Amino acid sequence: MWHHDENAHSFKLMNLVVEIRQFRNGDLPALADVWVQHWSALGPPPPVSTAIIEQSVLSRTFFDAQHLLVAVHDDHVQGWCHFAPDVYQPSTAILSAICFTAEGLESCDQLLSTAETLIAESGFDRIVVGPLRDEISGYAGLAPLGHGIGVSVNDTRVSSLLSRQSYTGGQNVVRMTANTNPFRMPVDRQWMQLQRSTRMQVEQWIPADPRHASAMAHLDVEHHELVDHRSDEVLASLSIWLSDPDAQVMNCSQAILDLGQIHHRAKLESAESFLIGSVIQLLANRRVFTIETAVDQDCSELIEQLAKLNFQSSERGQRWGKLLA
């Protein structure tokens, strides 16, 4: 059972009394319902159920019920938000989720303001909003977030909320998606040579860090390497995130391409491009039909290289941030 704090805040909005309080066990079905309603306003309803929300977020060993706030009117949850520490930047909190129903539009400002107060009281001095290439919050693969692109530009209600609350838009990100079937490797002389002189090897990878391992528990992570036949030198490596068939937080027909440190140099080496194409060809035989990755918008060369491998821009997002006084 999860713990909860009975402290709550009430606001009177247009003659409606809305309570902002911490998560309680009985709220779980409402969390899934609000999530589906929020995203249904932007597109097809995401295939997210109570069990999926629980598996993705609430069952994590690091989940703290005090970090999940709900907005309630007349015993109905109209919105919720969830934050967690950024393990890579200890003074920063990540607001991984904020979602609300149409009725919750009236209380979303108060929901966010209450979260900010709690975050400041918890010792953080900065907030960033939206999962980005998430591997520490548990939201990776949860529809429709996928790899995580911050806040989708299509989610104008959240963008408007953040703008009203003095958040600043920062890092711009592109979701790039490729179909694995049909897929043919482009004709490239270097790649043809690599095809004859290298082999692929793959192993299951489990993070050693407990926080990281827990956040990725609903995914099977495969580490792929391209190895030179003669020297046994590793020429390229990357990771693929697949759905754990038992958890099924992410659709089993989808995969996430983790480019790792490639983002820091913003381009692919020839061997890396070849390895990505080779992995895509194998995924179709495993009934994985789409693969996505998240790329910083200013990495124009990397985006062009992925486009040659049939990746297309499918959505744009932005990471918002705010310094707390």
Protein backbone atom coordinates (compact mmCIF):
# COMPACT_ATOMS: atom_id res chain seq x y z
CA MET A 1 0.00 0.00 0.00
CA TRP A 2 1.14 3.52 -0.70
CA HIS A 3 1.39 6.17 1.98
CA HIS A 4 -0.29 9.52 1.73
CA ASP A 5 -0.37 12.80 3.57
CA GLU A 6 -3.78 14.11 4.55
CA ASN A 7 -2.68 17.74 4.05
CA ALA A 8 -4.64 19.35 1.23
CA HIS A 9 -5.37 22.76 -0.28
CA SER A 10 -8.81 23.95 -1.37
CA PHE A 11 -9.54 26.68 -3.93
CA LYS A 12 -12.83 28.29 -4.86
CA LEU A 13 -13.04 28.59 -8.63
CA MET A 14 -16.17 29.99 -10.29
CA ASN A 15 -18.26 28.85 -7.30
CA LEU A 16 -16.65 25.40 -7.42
CA VAL A 17 -14.49 24.19 -4.56
CA VAL A 18 -11.49 22.28 -5.93
CA GLU A 19 -9.23 20.38 -3.56
CA ILE A 20 -5.54 19.87 -4.39
CA ARG A 21 -4.20 16.97 -2.37
CA GLN A 22 -1.71 14.15 -2.43
CA PHE A 23 -2.41 10.81 -4.07
CA ARG A 24 -4.49 8.17 -2.33
CA ASN A 25 -4.81 4.50 -3.27
CA GLY A 26 -8.39 4.87 -4.45
CA ASP A 27 -7.35 7.50 -7.02
CA LEU A 28 -5.63 4.97 -9.28
CA PRO A 29 -8.53 4.30 -11.70
CA ALA A 30 -9.10 8.05 -12.00
CA LEU A 31 -5.45 8.65 -12.92
CA ALA A 32 -5.80 6.40 -15.96
CA ASP A 33 -9.13 7.97 -16.92
CA VAL A 34 -7.76 11.53 -16.73
CA TRP A 35 -4.68 10.49 -18.74
CA VAL A 36 -6.85 9.06 -21.51
CA GLN A 37 -9.18 12.08 -21.53
CA HIS A 38 -6.27 14.52 -21.67
CA TRP A 39 -4.58 12.88 -24.64
CA SER A 40 -7.85 12.10 -26.42
CA ALA A 41 -8.28 15.85 -26.87
CA LEU A 42 -5.15 15.77 -29.07
CA GLY A 43 -5.61 12.56 -31.02
CA PRO A 44 -6.70 8.91 -30.77
CA PRO A 45 -7.28 7.70 -27.20
CA PRO A 46 -4.03 6.13 -25.94
CA PRO A 47 -4.28 2.43 -24.99
CA VAL A 48 -3.61 3.11 -21.30
CA SER A 49 -5.43 1.31 -18.50
CA THR A 50 -5.33 1.36 -14.72
CA ALA A 51 -2.94 -1.60 -14.75
CA ILE A 52 -0.61 0.15 -17.20
CA ILE A 53 -0.45 3.35 -15.12
CA GLU A 54 0.27 1.28 -12.03
CA GLN A 55 2.97 -0.77 -13.78
CA SER A 56 4.60 2.25 -15.38
CA VAL A 57 4.65 4.68 -12.44
CA LEU A 58 3.13 3.64 -9.13
CA SER A 59 4.86 0.27 -8.76
CA ARG A 60 8.34 1.79 -8.94
CA THR A 61 10.52 1.27 -5.89
CA PHE A 62 11.23 5.01 -5.85
CA PHE A 63 7.59 6.11 -6.18
CA ASP A 64 6.64 8.63 -3.49
CA ALA A 65 2.91 9.33 -3.14
CA GLN A 66 3.75 12.79 -1.74
CA HIS A 67 5.07 13.72 -5.19
CA LEU A 68 1.80 12.98 -7.00
CA LEU A 69 -0.93 15.62 -6.62
CA VAL A 70 -4.55 15.37 -7.72
CA ALA A 71 -7.16 18.08 -8.28
CA VAL A 72 -10.55 16.92 -6.99
CA HIS A 73 -14.02 18.43 -7.30
CA ASP A 74 -17.09 16.72 -5.85
CA ASP A 75 -15.05 13.54 -5.29
CA HIS A 76 -14.03 13.42 -8.98
CA VAL A 77 -10.37 13.72 -10.00
CA GLN A 78 -10.12 16.40 -12.70
CA GLY A 79 -6.34 16.52 -13.06
CA TRP A 80 -3.07 15.26 -11.67
CA CYS A 81 0.64 15.92 -11.84
CA HIS A 82 3.69 13.99 -10.77
CA PHE A 83 7.26 15.06 -10.11
CA ALA A 84 10.47 13.29 -9.15
CA PRO A 85 14.09 14.26 -8.55
CA ASP A 86 16.40 14.43 -11.55
CA VAL A 87 19.09 11.96 -10.50
CA TYR A 88 21.58 13.61 -12.88
CA GLN A 89 20.95 17.14 -11.55
CA PRO A 90 20.14 16.88 -7.83
CA SER A 91 18.83 20.44 -7.50
CA THR A 92 16.28 19.89 -10.30
CA ALA A 93 12.87 18.24 -10.18
CA ILE A 94 11.27 16.74 -13.29
CA LEU A 95 7.54 17.30 -13.67
CA SER A 96 7.05 14.09 -15.59
CA ALA A 97 3.29 14.40 -16.02
CA ILE A 98 0.56 17.01 -15.80
CA CYS A 99 -2.79 16.16 -17.33
CA PHE A 100 -6.39 17.18 -16.84
CA THR A 101 -9.91 16.76 -18.15
CA ALA A 102 -11.89 19.53 -19.85
CA GLU A 103 -13.33 20.42 -16.44
CA GLY A 104 -9.83 20.38 -14.99
CA LEU A 105 -8.83 23.34 -17.16
CA GLU A 106 -10.28 25.56 -14.42
CA SER A 107 -7.98 24.16 -11.75
CA CYS A 108 -4.79 23.30 -13.67
CA ASP A 109 -3.09 26.57 -12.68
CA GLN A 110 -3.73 25.88 -9.00
CA LEU A 111 -2.57 22.28 -9.45
CA LEU A 112 0.74 23.44 -10.95
CA SER A 113 1.21 26.21 -8.37
CA THR A 114 0.67 23.76 -5.52
CA ALA A 115 3.20 21.39 -7.09
CA GLU A 116 5.72 24.23 -7.35
CA THR A 117 5.29 25.03 -3.65
CA LEU A 118 5.80 21.40 -2.69
CA ILE A 119 8.84 21.11 -4.98
CA ALA A 120 10.41 24.23 -3.46
CA GLU A 121 9.71 22.96 0.07
CA SER A 122 11.41 19.69 -0.89
CA GLY A 123 14.66 21.58 -1.52
CA PHE A 124 14.70 21.89 -5.31
CA ASP A 125 15.50 25.18 -6.99
CA ARG A 126 14.54 24.35 -10.59
CA ILE A 127 11.74 22.53 -12.41
CA VAL A 128 11.85 21.03 -15.90
CA VAL A 129 8.67 19.76 -17.53
CA GLY A 130 8.18 16.68 -19.65
CA PRO A 131 10.07 13.36 -19.98
CA LEU A 132 12.98 13.62 -22.41
CA ARG A 133 14.64 10.41 -23.59
CA ASP A 134 13.37 9.17 -20.27
CA GLU A 135 15.21 6.42 -18.44
CA ILE A 136 14.78 7.51 -14.82
CA SER A 137 11.10 8.42 -14.31
CA GLY A 138 9.27 5.26 -15.46
CA TYR A 139 7.32 6.98 -18.23
CA ALA A 140 9.37 5.64 -21.17
CA GLY A 141 7.11 3.86 -23.65
CA LEU A 142 3.87 4.98 -21.97
CA ALA A 143 1.51 6.03 -24.77
CA PRO A 144 1.69 8.55 -26.26
CA LEU A 145 5.02 9.67 -24.70
CA GLY A 146 7.26 7.03 -26.26
CA HIS A 147 10.92 7.98 -25.84
CA GLY A 148 9.93 11.39 -24.47
CA ILE A 149 10.17 14.73 -26.27
CA GLY A 150 9.42 17.07 -23.37
CA VAL A 151 6.02 18.72 -23.90
CA SER A 152 4.48 18.05 -27.30
CA VAL A 153 3.86 21.19 -29.34
CA ASN A 154 0.44 19.69 -30.05
CA ASP A 155 -0.42 19.87 -26.35
CA THR A 156 -1.31 23.55 -26.53
CA ARG A 157 -3.25 23.47 -23.25
CA VAL A 158 -0.16 22.49 -21.27
CA SER A 159 2.05 24.88 -23.24
CA SER A 160 -0.39 27.70 -22.50
CA LEU A 161 -0.47 26.74 -18.81
CA LEU A 162 3.32 26.78 -18.59
CA SER A 163 3.53 30.13 -20.37
CA ARG A 164 0.98 31.63 -17.94
CA GLN A 165 3.02 30.34 -15.02
CA SER A 166 6.25 31.99 -16.27
CA TYR A 167 7.97 28.86 -17.55
CA THR A 168 10.47 29.30 -20.37
CA GLY A 169 10.62 27.10 -23.43
CA GLY A 170 14.09 25.67 -24.00
CA GLN A 171 15.40 22.57 -25.71
CA ASN A 172 13.49 21.70 -28.92
CA VAL A 173 13.20 18.02 -29.75
CA VAL A 174 12.00 15.99 -32.74
CA ARG A 175 10.38 12.56 -32.51
CA MET A 176 11.60 10.53 -35.47
CA THR A 177 9.85 7.31 -36.46
CA ALA A 178 10.62 4.57 -38.99
CA ASN A 179 8.61 1.61 -40.22
CA THR A 180 10.53 -1.66 -40.18
CA ASN A 181 8.44 -3.30 -42.88
CA PRO A 182 9.11 -2.67 -45.67
CA PHE A 183 12.67 -1.50 -45.13
CA ARG A 184 15.71 -1.77 -47.39
CA MET A 185 19.19 -0.58 -46.56
CA PRO A 186 20.28 2.29 -48.81
CA VAL A 187 23.02 1.46 -51.30
CA ASP A 188 26.32 2.58 -49.79
CA ARG A 189 29.80 1.30 -50.68
CA GLN A 190 31.08 1.53 -47.10
CA TRP A 191 28.04 -0.31 -45.79
CA MET A 192 28.51 -3.08 -48.37
CA GLN A 193 32.08 -3.51 -47.10
CA LEU A 194 30.87 -3.58 -43.49
CA GLN A 195 28.33 -6.25 -44.41
CA ARG A 196 31.18 -8.52 -45.51
CA SER A 197 33.68 -7.72 -42.79
CA THR A 198 31.62 -7.45 -39.59
CA ARG A 199 29.21 -9.36 -37.40
CA MET A 200 26.47 -8.24 -35.03
CA GLN A 201 26.24 -9.37 -31.45
CA VAL A 202 23.52 -8.62 -28.95
CA GLU A 203 23.02 -9.08 -25.24
CA GLN A 204 20.31 -8.24 -22.74
CA TRP A 205 21.29 -5.28 -20.60
CA ILE A 206 20.12 -4.63 -17.05
CA PRO A 207 21.14 -1.33 -15.44
CA ALA A 208 23.33 -1.73 -12.37
CA ASP A 209 21.94 1.37 -10.67
CA PRO A 210 18.79 0.42 -8.70
CA ARG A 211 16.92 3.63 -9.61
CA HIS A 212 17.68 3.18 -13.31
CA ALA A 213 16.80 -0.53 -13.20
CA SER A 214 13.46 0.17 -11.53
CA ALA A 215 12.53 2.92 -14.00
CA MET A 216 13.24 0.60 -16.94
CA ALA A 217 11.67 -2.52 -15.39
CA HIS A 218 8.80 -2.62 -17.91
CA LEU A 219 11.22 -2.66 -20.86
CA ASP A 220 13.63 -5.22 -22.27
CA VAL A 221 16.85 -3.42 -23.18
CA GLU A 222 19.05 -4.98 -25.86
CA HIS A 223 22.62 -3.78 -26.40
CA HIS A 224 23.72 -4.28 -30.02
CA GLU A 225 27.32 -4.13 -31.21
CA LEU A 226 28.94 -4.20 -34.64
CA VAL A 227 32.20 -6.13 -34.39
CA ASP A 228 35.06 -6.41 -36.90
CA HIS A 229 35.59 -10.06 -37.90
CA ARG A 230 39.38 -9.89 -37.93
CA SER A 231 40.28 -7.67 -35.00
CA ASP A 232 37.19 -8.20 -32.80
CA GLU A 233 37.08 -4.42 -32.45
CA VAL A 234 33.69 -2.95 -31.60
CA LEU A 235 32.96 -0.45 -34.39
CA ALA A 236 29.54 0.73 -33.22
CA SER A 237 27.04 0.16 -30.45
CA LEU A 238 23.50 1.17 -29.57
CA SER A 239 20.56 0.07 -27.45
CA ILE A 240 17.02 -0.89 -28.39
CA TRP A 241 14.20 -0.68 -25.85
CA LEU A 242 11.44 -3.25 -26.36
CA SER A 243 8.30 -3.91 -24.37
CA ASP A 244 8.49 -6.50 -21.65
CA PRO A 245 5.71 -8.84 -22.87
CA ASP A 246 4.50 -9.42 -19.32
CA ALA A 247 4.24 -5.72 -18.43
CA GLN A 248 3.11 -4.39 -21.83
CA VAL A 249 3.36 -0.74 -20.86
CA MET A 250 4.61 -0.14 -24.39
CA ASN A 251 2.98 -1.83 -27.36
CA CYS A 252 4.95 -4.96 -28.27
CA SER A 253 4.98 -3.90 -31.93
CA GLN A 254 6.98 -0.77 -31.09
CA ALA A 255 10.61 -0.13 -30.16
CA ILE A 256 12.74 2.80 -29.02
CA LEU A 257 16.20 3.51 -30.41
CA ASP A 258 18.55 4.81 -27.72
CA LEU A 259 21.40 6.66 -29.43
CA GLY A 260 23.24 7.16 -26.15
CA GLN A 261 26.34 9.34 -26.40
CA ILE A 262 25.78 9.98 -30.11
CA HIS A 263 23.66 13.01 -29.15
CA HIS A 264 26.72 14.77 -27.75
CA ARG A 265 28.55 14.73 -31.10
CA ALA A 266 25.32 15.15 -33.09
CA LYS A 267 26.19 12.82 -35.95
CA LEU A 268 26.46 9.14 -36.85
CA GLU A 269 29.62 7.41 -37.95
CA SER A 270 29.24 5.16 -40.98
CA ALA A 271 29.38 2.00 -38.85
CA GLU A 272 26.66 3.37 -36.57
CA SER A 273 24.34 4.08 -39.50
CA PHE A 274 24.96 0.57 -40.82
CA LEU A 275 24.21 -0.94 -37.40
CA ILE A 276 20.93 1.00 -37.08
CA GLY A 277 19.81 -0.17 -40.52
CA SER A 278 20.77 -3.77 -39.74
CA VAL A 279 18.80 -3.73 -36.48
CA ILE A 280 15.73 -2.28 -38.22
CA GLN A 281 15.82 -5.12 -40.75
CA LEU A 282 15.82 -7.68 -37.93
CA LEU A 283 12.97 -6.09 -35.98
CA ALA A 284 10.35 -6.72 -38.67
CA ASN A 285 10.99 -10.47 -38.37
CA ARG A 286 10.26 -10.13 -34.65
CA ARG A 287 6.91 -8.44 -35.35
CA VAL A 288 8.20 -5.05 -34.23
CA PHE A 289 6.91 -2.71 -36.91
CA THR A 290 7.82 0.82 -35.76
CA ILE A 291 10.88 2.27 -34.07
CA GLU A 292 11.29 5.80 -32.75
CA THR A 293 13.96 8.02 -31.28
CA ALA A 294 14.12 11.59 -29.95
CA VAL A 295 16.67 13.98 -31.47
CA ASP A 296 17.50 17.57 -30.56
CA GLN A 297 16.12 19.81 -33.29
CA ASP A 298 19.43 21.62 -33.77
CA CYS A 299 21.22 18.33 -34.63
CA SER A 300 20.52 18.86 -38.33
CA GLU A 301 23.22 16.46 -39.58
CA LEU A 302 21.99 13.66 -37.32
CA ILE A 303 18.40 14.24 -38.48
CA GLU A 304 19.50 14.06 -42.14
CA GLN A 305 21.41 10.84 -41.50
CA LEU A 306 18.39 9.24 -39.84
CA ALA A 307 16.20 10.38 -42.73
CA LYS A 308 18.42 8.32 -45.07
CA LEU A 309 17.45 5.32 -42.92
CA ASN A 310 13.75 6.09 -43.53
CA PHE A 311 13.16 7.90 -40.25
CA GLN A 312 10.65 10.73 -40.55
CA SER A 313 9.78 13.56 -38.21
CA SER A 314 6.45 12.63 -36.62
CA GLU A 315 6.13 15.13 -33.76
CA ARG A 316 7.95 18.02 -32.14
CA GLY A 317 8.32 18.86 -28.48
CA GLN A 318 9.96 21.30 -26.13
CA ARG A 319 11.50 21.07 -22.67
CA TRP A 320 10.16 23.86 -20.46
CA GLY A 321 11.87 25.06 -17.30
CA LYS A 322 11.54 27.45 -14.39
CA LEU A 323 13.79 28.66 -11.58
CA LEU A 324 12.10 28.73 -8.18
CA ALA A 325 12.51 31.88 -6.12
